[in-house]
Each structure stands twice: as C-alpha cells, then as structure tokens.
Amino acid sequence: MRLVGVIIGELLISKMGIYYLIMYDSQVFNINLVITSVFVLAIISSILYYIINYFEKNKTVENIHSFFTIVLFLETY
C-alpha cells in the first residue's frame, strides 16, 4: 500500500521526469505521449523487478554490492 501511495504522490507533485510528462500531457490532451510514457514506465518497472528478483534469488553480498554500485552509477547520469 505504501508503494502505491508513493507512486501517486510522485504523480501529483513532480516537477520533472516521466510522472510530470504524464500529468502535463494528459492536461493538454496529448494522448499519444501519455500512452508512450506509461508504456516506458511499465518497461522500466519490469526491468527493475527482474533485477531485484535475480538478486533476491542469489543472496550474496557481492551481488547486492554490485547492484547498489550500478544504481549509484545510473543516478549520476
């Protein structure tokens, strides 16, 4: 339930990013970009789900450390 609250909160108050793109384009009736944004969001969430699922199945310290290294690397760009 908390995850749903976080997603809805991001959707309503974001000033940039994909949530902002969804809200702005829905207000100006650009349905093609809204559908594309939701599709991209679904792809990103599916990829993250499979990455986290992989690391949960292989619970080693090295895998968890490498995952957070990748996440920190992606945040810098």
C-alpha atoms as a PDB file:
ATOM      1  CA  MET A   1       0.000   0.000   0.000  1.00  0.00           C
ATOM      2  CA  ARG A   2       2.857   2.359   0.743  1.00  0.00           C
ATOM      3  CA  LEU A   3       4.293   1.846  -2.716  1.00  0.00           C
ATOM      4  CA  VAL A   4       1.014   2.876  -4.328  1.00  0.00           C
ATOM      5  CA  GLY A   5       0.963   5.999  -2.150  1.00  0.00           C
ATOM      6  CA  VAL A   6       4.493   6.913  -3.185  1.00  0.00           C
ATOM      7  CA  ILE A   7       3.679   6.474  -6.869  1.00  0.00           C
ATOM      8  CA  ILE A   8       0.503   8.565  -6.645  1.00  0.00           C
ATOM      9  CA  GLY A   9       2.362  11.235  -4.651  1.00  0.00           C
ATOM     10  CA  GLU A  10       5.101  11.397  -7.269  1.00  0.00           C
ATOM     11  CA  LEU A  11       2.489  11.593  -9.991  1.00  0.00           C
ATOM     12  CA  LEU A  12       0.744  14.542  -8.380  1.00  0.00           C
ATOM     13  CA  ILE A  13       3.643  16.727  -7.194  1.00  0.00           C
ATOM     14  CA  SER A  14       6.527  16.010  -9.578  1.00  0.00           C
ATOM     15  CA  LYS A  15       8.187  18.918 -11.346  1.00  0.00           C
ATOM     16  CA  MET A  16      10.245  16.858 -13.801  1.00  0.00           C
ATOM     17  CA  GLY A  17      10.617  13.343 -15.090  1.00  0.00           C
ATOM     18  CA  ILE A  18       8.232  10.809 -16.515  1.00  0.00           C
ATOM     19  CA  TYR A  19       5.462  11.479 -13.978  1.00  0.00           C
ATOM     20  CA  TYR A  20       5.490  15.165 -14.868  1.00  0.00           C
ATOM     21  CA  LEU A  21       5.362  14.229 -18.541  1.00  0.00           C
ATOM     22  CA  ILE A  22       2.305  12.047 -17.949  1.00  0.00           C
ATOM     23  CA  MET A  23       0.465  14.734 -15.968  1.00  0.00           C
ATOM     24  CA  TYR A  24       1.329  17.597 -18.324  1.00  0.00           C
ATOM     25  CA  ASP A  25       0.424  15.709 -21.481  1.00  0.00           C
ATOM     26  CA  SER A  26      -2.840  14.492 -20.018  1.00  0.00           C
ATOM     27  CA  GLN A  27      -3.764  18.102 -19.225  1.00  0.00           C
ATOM     28  CA  VAL A  28      -3.045  19.256 -22.783  1.00  0.00           C
ATOM     29  CA  PHE A  29      -4.737  16.157 -24.258  1.00  0.00           C
ATOM     30  CA  ASN A  30      -1.623  14.698 -25.868  1.00  0.00           C
ATOM     31  CA  ILE A  31      -2.815  11.115 -25.519  1.00  0.00           C
ATOM     32  CA  ASN A  32      -0.092   9.582 -27.695  1.00  0.00           C
ATOM     33  CA  LEU A  33       2.650  10.847 -25.406  1.00  0.00           C
ATOM     34  CA  VAL A  34       0.707   9.794 -22.293  1.00  0.00           C
ATOM     35  CA  ILE A  35       0.366   6.225 -23.572  1.00  0.00           C
ATOM     36  CA  THR A  36       4.027   6.161 -24.588  1.00  0.00           C
ATOM     37  CA  SER A  37       5.099   7.438 -21.165  1.00  0.00           C
ATOM     38  CA  VAL A  38       3.028   4.818 -19.362  1.00  0.00           C
ATOM     39  CA  PHE A  39       4.477   2.136 -21.633  1.00  0.00           C
ATOM     40  CA  VAL A  40       8.048   3.289 -20.891  1.00  0.00           C
ATOM     41  CA  LEU A  41       7.230   3.352 -17.175  1.00  0.00           C
ATOM     42  CA  ALA A  42       5.935  -0.229 -17.393  1.00  0.00           C
ATOM     43  CA  ILE A  43       9.111  -1.370 -19.157  1.00  0.00           C
ATOM     44  CA  ILE A  44      11.358   0.315 -16.580  1.00  0.00           C
ATOM     45  CA  SER A  45       9.408  -1.157 -13.674  1.00  0.00           C
ATOM     46  CA  SER A  46       9.510  -4.638 -15.240  1.00  0.00           C
ATOM     47  CA  ILE A  47      13.273  -4.434 -15.718  1.00  0.00           C
ATOM     48  CA  LEU A  48      13.777  -3.295 -12.128  1.00  0.00           C
ATOM     49  CA  TYR A  49      11.501  -6.084 -10.887  1.00  0.00           C
ATOM     50  CA  TYR A  50      13.548  -8.745 -12.668  1.00  0.00           C
ATOM     51  CA  ILE A  51      16.829  -7.256 -11.446  1.00  0.00           C
ATOM     52  CA  ILE A  52      15.661  -7.236  -7.832  1.00  0.00           C
ATOM     53  CA  ASN A  53      14.175 -10.725  -8.203  1.00  0.00           C
ATOM     54  CA  TYR A  54      17.500 -12.014  -9.547  1.00  0.00           C
ATOM     55  CA  PHE A  55      19.434 -10.600  -6.618  1.00  0.00           C
ATOM     56  CA  GLU A  56      16.926 -11.956  -4.112  1.00  0.00           C
ATOM     57  CA  LYS A  57      17.333 -15.468  -5.506  1.00  0.00           C
ATOM     58  CA  ASN A  58      21.134 -15.205  -5.361  1.00  0.00           C
ATOM     59  CA  LYS A  59      21.588 -13.668  -1.929  1.00  0.00           C
ATOM     60  CA  THR A  60      25.271 -12.988  -1.875  1.00  0.00           C
ATOM     61  CA  VAL A  61      26.979  -9.897  -0.567  1.00  0.00           C
ATOM     62  CA  GLU A  62      28.854  -9.409  -3.824  1.00  0.00           C
ATOM     63  CA  ASN A  63      25.650  -9.354  -5.891  1.00  0.00           C
ATOM     64  CA  ILE A  64      23.936  -6.891  -3.581  1.00  0.00           C
ATOM     65  CA  HIS A  65      27.020  -4.672  -3.533  1.00  0.00           C
ATOM     66  CA  SER A  66      27.283  -4.722  -7.328  1.00  0.00           C
ATOM     67  CA  PHE A  67      23.581  -3.880  -7.651  1.00  0.00           C
ATOM     68  CA  PHE A  68      23.928  -0.780  -5.495  1.00  0.00           C
ATOM     69  CA  THR A  69      27.062   0.189  -7.410  1.00  0.00           C
ATOM     70  CA  ILE A  70      25.081   0.046 -10.657  1.00  0.00           C
ATOM     71  CA  VAL A  71      22.227   2.060  -9.132  1.00  0.00           C
ATOM     72  CA  LEU A  72      24.608   4.757  -7.873  1.00  0.00           C
ATOM     73  CA  PHE A  73      26.302   4.852 -11.275  1.00  0.00           C
ATOM     74  CA  LEU A  74      22.962   5.318 -13.056  1.00  0.00           C
ATOM     75  CA  GLU A  75      21.938   8.101 -10.663  1.00  0.00           C
ATOM     76  CA  THR A  76      24.975  10.156 -11.630  1.00  0.00           C
ATOM     77  CA  TYR A  77      23.856  10.294 -15.264  1.00  0.00           C
END
